[in-house]
């Protein structure tokens, strides 16, 4: 399935869709990124803004521009 970032209102919604598309859990993403799972939970619930560095890392991991 092709994910169109413009179809999502928040970064958290987009990250959730990308995870679902790959069949990944938040824990899996945390392990791949080498970060704490609570940080991923804050990102997906839109309680924490996505930093520029994290945006670039997520772009690399998911192949989304």
PDB file of N, CA and C in Angstrom:
ATOM      1  N   UNK A   1       0.846  -1.178   0.000  1.00  0.00           N
ATOM      2  CA  UNK A   1       0.000   0.000   0.000  1.00  0.00           C
ATOM      3  C   UNK A   1       0.889   1.237   0.000  1.00  0.00           C
ATOM      4  N   UNK A   2       0.498   2.205  -0.793  1.00  0.00           N
ATOM      5  CA  UNK A   2       1.267   3.452  -0.872  1.00  0.00           C
ATOM      6  C   UNK A   2       0.671   4.466   0.093  1.00  0.00           C
ATOM      7  N   UNK A   3       1.480   4.935   1.022  1.00  0.00           N
ATOM      8  CA  UNK A   3       1.049   5.912   2.020  1.00  0.00           C
ATOM      9  C   UNK A   3       1.317   7.317   1.478  1.00  0.00           C
ATOM     10  N   UNK A   4       0.289   8.149   1.485  1.00  0.00           N
ATOM     11  CA  UNK A   4       0.435   9.538   1.081  1.00  0.00           C
ATOM     12  C   UNK A   4       0.419  10.401   2.344  1.00  0.00           C
ATOM     13  N   UNK A   5       1.557  10.998   2.697  1.00  0.00           N
ATOM     14  CA  UNK A   5       1.613  11.804   3.922  1.00  0.00           C
ATOM     15  C   UNK A   5       0.552  12.899   3.988  1.00  0.00           C
ATOM     16  N   UNK A   6       0.116  13.408   2.850  1.00  0.00           N
ATOM     17  CA  UNK A   6      -0.871  14.485   2.834  1.00  0.00           C
ATOM     18  C   UNK A   6      -2.246  14.016   3.313  1.00  0.00           C
ATOM     19  N   UNK A   7      -2.455  12.693   3.381  1.00  0.00           N
ATOM     20  CA  UNK A   7      -3.741  12.150   3.813  1.00  0.00           C
ATOM     21  C   UNK A   7      -3.908  12.152   5.332  1.00  0.00           C
ATOM     22  N   UNK A   8      -2.897  12.555   6.073  1.00  0.00           N
ATOM     23  CA  UNK A   8      -2.928  12.484   7.530  1.00  0.00           C
ATOM     24  C   UNK A   8      -2.829  13.877   8.124  1.00  0.00           C
ATOM     25  N   UNK A   9      -3.613  14.125   9.169  1.00  0.00           N
ATOM     26  CA  UNK A   9      -3.687  15.457   9.758  1.00  0.00           C
ATOM     27  C   UNK A   9      -2.542  15.747  10.713  1.00  0.00           C
ATOM     28  N   UNK A  10      -2.003  14.712  11.354  1.00  0.00           N
ATOM     29  CA  UNK A  10      -0.940  14.934  12.332  1.00  0.00           C
ATOM     30  C   UNK A  10       0.223  13.980  12.064  1.00  0.00           C
ATOM     31  N   UNK A  11       1.404  14.322  12.506  1.00  0.00           N
ATOM     32  CA  UNK A  11       2.543  13.412  12.360  1.00  0.00           C
ATOM     33  C   UNK A  11       2.289  12.067  13.046  1.00  0.00           C
ATOM     34  N   UNK A  12       1.614  12.098  14.192  1.00  0.00           N
ATOM     35  CA  UNK A  12       1.321  10.861  14.906  1.00  0.00           C
ATOM     36  C   UNK A  12       0.453   9.916  14.090  1.00  0.00           C
ATOM     37  N   UNK A  13      -0.543  10.466  13.396  1.00  0.00           N
ATOM     38  CA  UNK A  13      -1.404   9.647  12.542  1.00  0.00           C
ATOM     39  C   UNK A  13      -0.593   9.026  11.408  1.00  0.00           C
ATOM     40  N   UNK A  14       0.307   9.794  10.828  1.00  0.00           N
ATOM     41  CA  UNK A  14       1.144   9.286   9.742  1.00  0.00           C
ATOM     42  C   UNK A  14       2.054   8.172  10.243  1.00  0.00           C
ATOM     43  N   UNK A  15       2.674   8.370  11.401  1.00  0.00           N
ATOM     44  CA  UNK A  15       3.564   7.345  11.953  1.00  0.00           C
ATOM     45  C   UNK A  15       2.770   6.074  12.230  1.00  0.00           C
ATOM     46  N   UNK A  16       1.583   6.197  12.800  1.00  0.00           N
ATOM     47  CA  UNK A  16       0.737   5.030  13.061  1.00  0.00           C
ATOM     48  C   UNK A  16       0.414   4.294  11.757  1.00  0.00           C
ATOM     49  N   UNK A  17       0.096   5.034  10.696  1.00  0.00           N
ATOM     50  CA  UNK A  17      -0.219   4.410   9.408  1.00  0.00           C
ATOM     51  C   UNK A  17       1.004   3.697   8.829  1.00  0.00           C
ATOM     52  N   UNK A  18       2.163   4.311   8.954  1.00  0.00           N
ATOM     53  CA  UNK A  18       3.389   3.692   8.453  1.00  0.00           C
ATOM     54  C   UNK A  18       3.715   2.417   9.224  1.00  0.00           C
ATOM     55  N   UNK A  19       3.486   2.439  10.530  1.00  0.00           N
ATOM     56  CA  UNK A  19       3.699   1.244  11.341  1.00  0.00           C
ATOM     57  C   UNK A  19       2.739   0.132  10.916  1.00  0.00           C
ATOM     58  N   UNK A  20       1.471   0.476  10.763  1.00  0.00           N
ATOM     59  CA  UNK A  20       0.468  -0.518  10.366  1.00  0.00           C
ATOM     60  C   UNK A  20       0.790  -1.106   8.993  1.00  0.00           C
ATOM     61  N   UNK A  21       1.238  -0.238   8.087  1.00  0.00           N
ATOM     62  CA  UNK A  21       1.574  -0.681   6.733  1.00  0.00           C
ATOM     63  C   UNK A  21       2.688  -1.727   6.747  1.00  0.00           C
ATOM     64  N   UNK A  22       3.622  -1.577   7.661  1.00  0.00           N
ATOM     65  CA  UNK A  22       4.745  -2.516   7.768  1.00  0.00           C
ATOM     66  C   UNK A  22       4.481  -3.665   8.727  1.00  0.00           C
ATOM     67  N   UNK A  23       3.392  -3.575   9.473  1.00  0.00           N
ATOM     68  CA  UNK A  23       3.110  -4.598  10.461  1.00  0.00           C
ATOM     69  C   UNK A  23       4.013  -4.495  11.680  1.00  0.00           C
ATOM     70  N   UNK A  24       4.496  -3.291  11.939  1.00  0.00           N
ATOM     71  CA  UNK A  24       5.395  -3.038  13.067  1.00  0.00           C
ATOM     72  C   UNK A  24       4.596  -2.544  14.266  1.00  0.00           C
ATOM     73  N   UNK A  25       5.128  -2.806  15.437  1.00  0.00           N
ATOM     74  CA  UNK A  25       4.590  -2.215  16.659  1.00  0.00           C
ATOM     75  C   UNK A  25       5.418  -0.979  16.997  1.00  0.00           C
ATOM     76  N   UNK A  26       4.943  -0.218  17.950  1.00  0.00           N
ATOM     77  CA  UNK A  26       5.707   0.937  18.416  1.00  0.00           C
ATOM     78  C   UNK A  26       7.023   0.474  19.043  1.00  0.00           C
ATOM     79  N   UNK A  27       6.964  -0.672  19.706  1.00  0.00           N
ATOM     80  CA  UNK A  27       8.180  -1.229  20.307  1.00  0.00           C
ATOM     81  C   UNK A  27       9.215  -1.558  19.226  1.00  0.00           C
ATOM     82  N   UNK A  28       8.749  -2.119  18.117  1.00  0.00           N
ATOM     83  CA  UNK A  28       9.658  -2.441  17.005  1.00  0.00           C
ATOM     84  C   UNK A  28      10.334  -1.168  16.494  1.00  0.00           C
ATOM     85  N   UNK A  29       9.549  -0.110  16.300  1.00  0.00           N
ATOM     86  CA  UNK A  29      10.114   1.151  15.824  1.00  0.00           C
ATOM     87  C   UNK A  29      11.119   1.695  16.827  1.00  0.00           C
ATOM     88  N   UNK A  30      10.797   1.614  18.094  1.00  0.00           N
ATOM     89  CA  UNK A  30      11.714   2.095  19.134  1.00  0.00           C
ATOM     90  C   UNK A  30      13.046   1.348  19.061  1.00  0.00           C
ATOM     91  N   UNK A  31      12.981   0.043  18.868  1.00  0.00           N
ATOM     92  CA  UNK A  31      14.202  -0.757  18.772  1.00  0.00           C
ATOM     93  C   UNK A  31      14.995  -0.376  17.519  1.00  0.00           C
ATOM     94  N   UNK A  32      14.305  -0.234  16.401  1.00  0.00           N
ATOM     95  CA  UNK A  32      14.976   0.146  15.148  1.00  0.00           C
ATOM     96  C   UNK A  32      15.668   1.496  15.288  1.00  0.00           C
ATOM     97  N   UNK A  33      14.997   2.436  15.960  1.00  0.00           N
ATOM     98  CA  UNK A  33      15.554   3.785  16.115  1.00  0.00           C
ATOM     99  C   UNK A  33      16.517   3.904  17.285  1.00  0.00           C
ATOM    100  N   UNK A  34      16.512   2.919  18.155  1.00  0.00           N
ATOM    101  CA  UNK A  34      17.377   2.974  19.324  1.00  0.00           C
ATOM    102  C   UNK A  34      16.928   4.013  20.334  1.00  0.00           C
ATOM    103  N   UNK A  35      15.604   4.160  20.464  1.00  0.00           N
ATOM    104  CA  UNK A  35      15.050   5.122  21.408  1.00  0.00           C
ATOM    105  C   UNK A  35      14.112   4.405  22.368  1.00  0.00           C
ATOM    106  N   UNK A  36      13.700   5.105  23.419  1.00  0.00           N
ATOM    107  CA  UNK A  36      12.786   4.562  24.392  1.00  0.00           C
ATOM    108  C   UNK A  36      11.376   4.481  23.799  1.00  0.00           C
ATOM    109  N   UNK A  37      10.670   3.408  24.106  1.00  0.00           N
ATOM    110  CA  UNK A  37       9.318   3.227  23.571  1.00  0.00           C
ATOM    111  C   UNK A  37       8.370   4.345  23.998  1.00  0.00           C
ATOM    112  N   UNK A  38       8.593   4.909  25.180  1.00  0.00           N
ATOM    113  CA  UNK A  38       7.717   5.992  25.638  1.00  0.00           C
ATOM    114  C   UNK A  38       7.828   7.208  24.715  1.00  0.00           C
ATOM    115  N   UNK A  39       8.997   7.422  24.135  1.00  0.00           N
ATOM    116  CA  UNK A  39       9.165   8.516  23.174  1.00  0.00           C
ATOM    117  C   UNK A  39       8.337   8.293  21.919  1.00  0.00           C
ATOM    118  N   UNK A  40       8.290   7.060  21.463  1.00  0.00           N
ATOM    119  CA  UNK A  40       7.474   6.727  20.290  1.00  0.00           C
ATOM    120  C   UNK A  40       5.997   6.907  20.630  1.00  0.00           C
ATOM    121  N   UNK A  41       5.608   6.493  21.827  1.00  0.00           N
ATOM    122  CA  UNK A  41       4.213   6.677  22.251  1.00  0.00           C
ATOM    123  C   UNK A  41       3.831   8.157  22.263  1.00  0.00           C
ATOM    124  N   UNK A  42       4.743   9.013  22.736  1.00  0.00           N
ATOM    125  CA  UNK A  42       4.466  10.460  22.756  1.00  0.00           C
ATOM    126  C   UNK A  42       4.356  11.017  21.334  1.00  0.00           C
ATOM    127  N   UNK A  43       5.183  10.525  20.425  1.00  0.00           N
ATOM    128  CA  UNK A  43       5.115  10.987  19.032  1.00  0.00           C
ATOM    129  C   UNK A  43       3.794  10.577  18.385  1.00  0.00           C
ATOM    130  N   UNK A  44       3.413   9.303  18.559  1.00  0.00           N
ATOM    131  CA  UNK A  44       2.210   8.819  17.887  1.00  0.00           C
ATOM    132  C   UNK A  44       0.933   9.397  18.486  1.00  0.00           C
ATOM    133  N   UNK A  45       0.994   9.810  19.742  1.00  0.00           N
ATOM    134  CA  UNK A  45      -0.187  10.433  20.362  1.00  0.00           C
ATOM    135  C   UNK A  45      -0.160  11.954  20.196  1.00  0.00           C
ATOM    136  N   UNK A  46       0.824  12.455  19.459  1.00  0.00           N
ATOM    137  CA  UNK A  46       0.977  13.896  19.188  1.00  0.00           C
ATOM    138  C   UNK A  46       1.158  14.715  20.456  1.00  0.00           C
ATOM    139  N   UNK A  47       1.754  14.109  21.473  1.00  0.00           N
ATOM    140  CA  UNK A  47       2.069  14.821  22.713  1.00  0.00           C
ATOM    141  C   UNK A  47       3.486  15.373  22.687  1.00  0.00           C
ATOM    142  N   UNK A  48       4.249  14.980  21.677  1.00  0.00           N
ATOM    143  CA  UNK A  48       5.614  15.480  21.504  1.00  0.00           C
ATOM    144  C   UNK A  48       5.805  15.794  20.031  1.00  0.00           C
ATOM    145  N   UNK A  49       6.367  16.949  19.767  1.00  0.00           N
ATOM    146  CA  UNK A  49       6.627  17.329  18.381  1.00  0.00           C
ATOM    147  C   UNK A  49       7.749  16.464  17.800  1.00  0.00           C
ATOM    148  N   UNK A  50       7.688  16.272  16.499  1.00  0.00           N
ATOM    149  CA  UNK A  50       8.743  15.527  15.806  1.00  0.00           C
ATOM    150  C   UNK A  50       9.873  16.516  15.509  1.00  0.00           C
ATOM    151  N   UNK A  51      11.040  16.242  16.058  1.00  0.00           N
ATOM    152  CA  UNK A  51      12.192  17.121  15.814  1.00  0.00           C
ATOM    153  C   UNK A  51      12.668  16.940  14.383  1.00  0.00           C
ATOM    154  N   UNK A  52      13.458  17.880  13.920  1.00  0.00           N
ATOM    155  CA  UNK A  52      14.013  17.784  12.564  1.00  0.00           C
ATOM    156  C   UNK A  52      14.862  16.519  12.421  1.00  0.00           C
ATOM    157  N   UNK A  53      15.669  16.226  13.437  1.00  0.00           N
ATOM    158  CA  UNK A  53      16.523  15.038  13.387  1.00  0.00           C
ATOM    159  C   UNK A  53      15.673  13.768  13.332  1.00  0.00           C
ATOM    160  N   UNK A  54      14.604  13.715  14.136  1.00  0.00           N
ATOM    161  CA  UNK A  54      13.737  12.531  14.137  1.00  0.00           C
ATOM    162  C   UNK A  54      12.997  12.419  12.811  1.00  0.00           C
ATOM    163  N   UNK A  55      12.569  13.537  12.253  1.00  0.00           N
ATOM    164  CA  UNK A  55      11.884  13.511  10.957  1.00  0.00           C
ATOM    165  C   UNK A  55      12.793  12.911   9.882  1.00  0.00           C
ATOM    166  N   UNK A  56      14.043  13.315   9.882  1.00  0.00           N
ATOM    167  CA  UNK A  56      14.982  12.764   8.900  1.00  0.00           C
ATOM    168  C   UNK A  56      15.211  11.271   9.124  1.00  0.00           C
ATOM    169  N   UNK A  57      15.289  10.867  10.365  1.00  0.00           N
ATOM    170  CA  UNK A  57      15.472   9.452  10.683  1.00  0.00           C
ATOM    171  C   UNK A  57      14.255   8.640  10.271  1.00  0.00           C
ATOM    172  N   UNK A  58      13.063   9.148  10.554  1.00  0.00           N
ATOM    173  CA  UNK A  58      11.842   8.446  10.160  1.00  0.00           C
ATOM    174  C   UNK A  58      11.720   8.363   8.640  1.00  0.00           C
ATOM    175  N   UNK A  59      12.118   9.430   7.956  1.00  0.00           N
ATOM    176  CA  UNK A  59      12.115   9.428   6.495  1.00  0.00           C
ATOM    177  C   UNK A  59      13.016   8.324   5.961  1.00  0.00           C
ATOM    178  N   UNK A  60      14.172   8.184   6.572  1.00  0.00           N
ATOM    179  CA  UNK A  60      15.117   7.147   6.154  1.00  0.00           C
ATOM    180  C   UNK A  60      14.581   5.739   6.439  1.00  0.00           C
ATOM    181  N   UNK A  61      14.014   5.544   7.614  1.00  0.00           N
ATOM    182  CA  UNK A  61      13.503   4.233   8.004  1.00  0.00           C
ATOM    183  C   UNK A  61      12.317   3.814   7.146  1.00  0.00           C
ATOM    184  N   UNK A  62      11.383   4.734   6.928  1.00  0.00           N
ATOM    185  CA  UNK A  62      10.157   4.402   6.207  1.00  0.00           C
ATOM    186  C   UNK A  62      10.217   4.697   4.713  1.00  0.00           C
ATOM    187  N   UNK A  63      11.214   5.429   4.264  1.00  0.00           N
ATOM    188  CA  UNK A  63      11.319   5.751   2.847  1.00  0.00           C
ATOM    189  C   UNK A  63      10.230   6.696   2.366  1.00  0.00           C
ATOM    190  N   UNK A  64       9.822   7.603   3.250  1.00  0.00           N
ATOM    191  CA  UNK A  64       8.783   8.571   2.930  1.00  0.00           C
ATOM    192  C   UNK A  64       9.408   9.950   2.855  1.00  0.00           C
ATOM    193  N   UNK A  65       9.091  10.672   1.817  1.00  0.00           N
ATOM    194  CA  UNK A  65       9.638  12.026   1.675  1.00  0.00           C
ATOM    195  C   UNK A  65       8.559  13.063   1.839  1.00  0.00           C
TER     196      UNK A  65
END
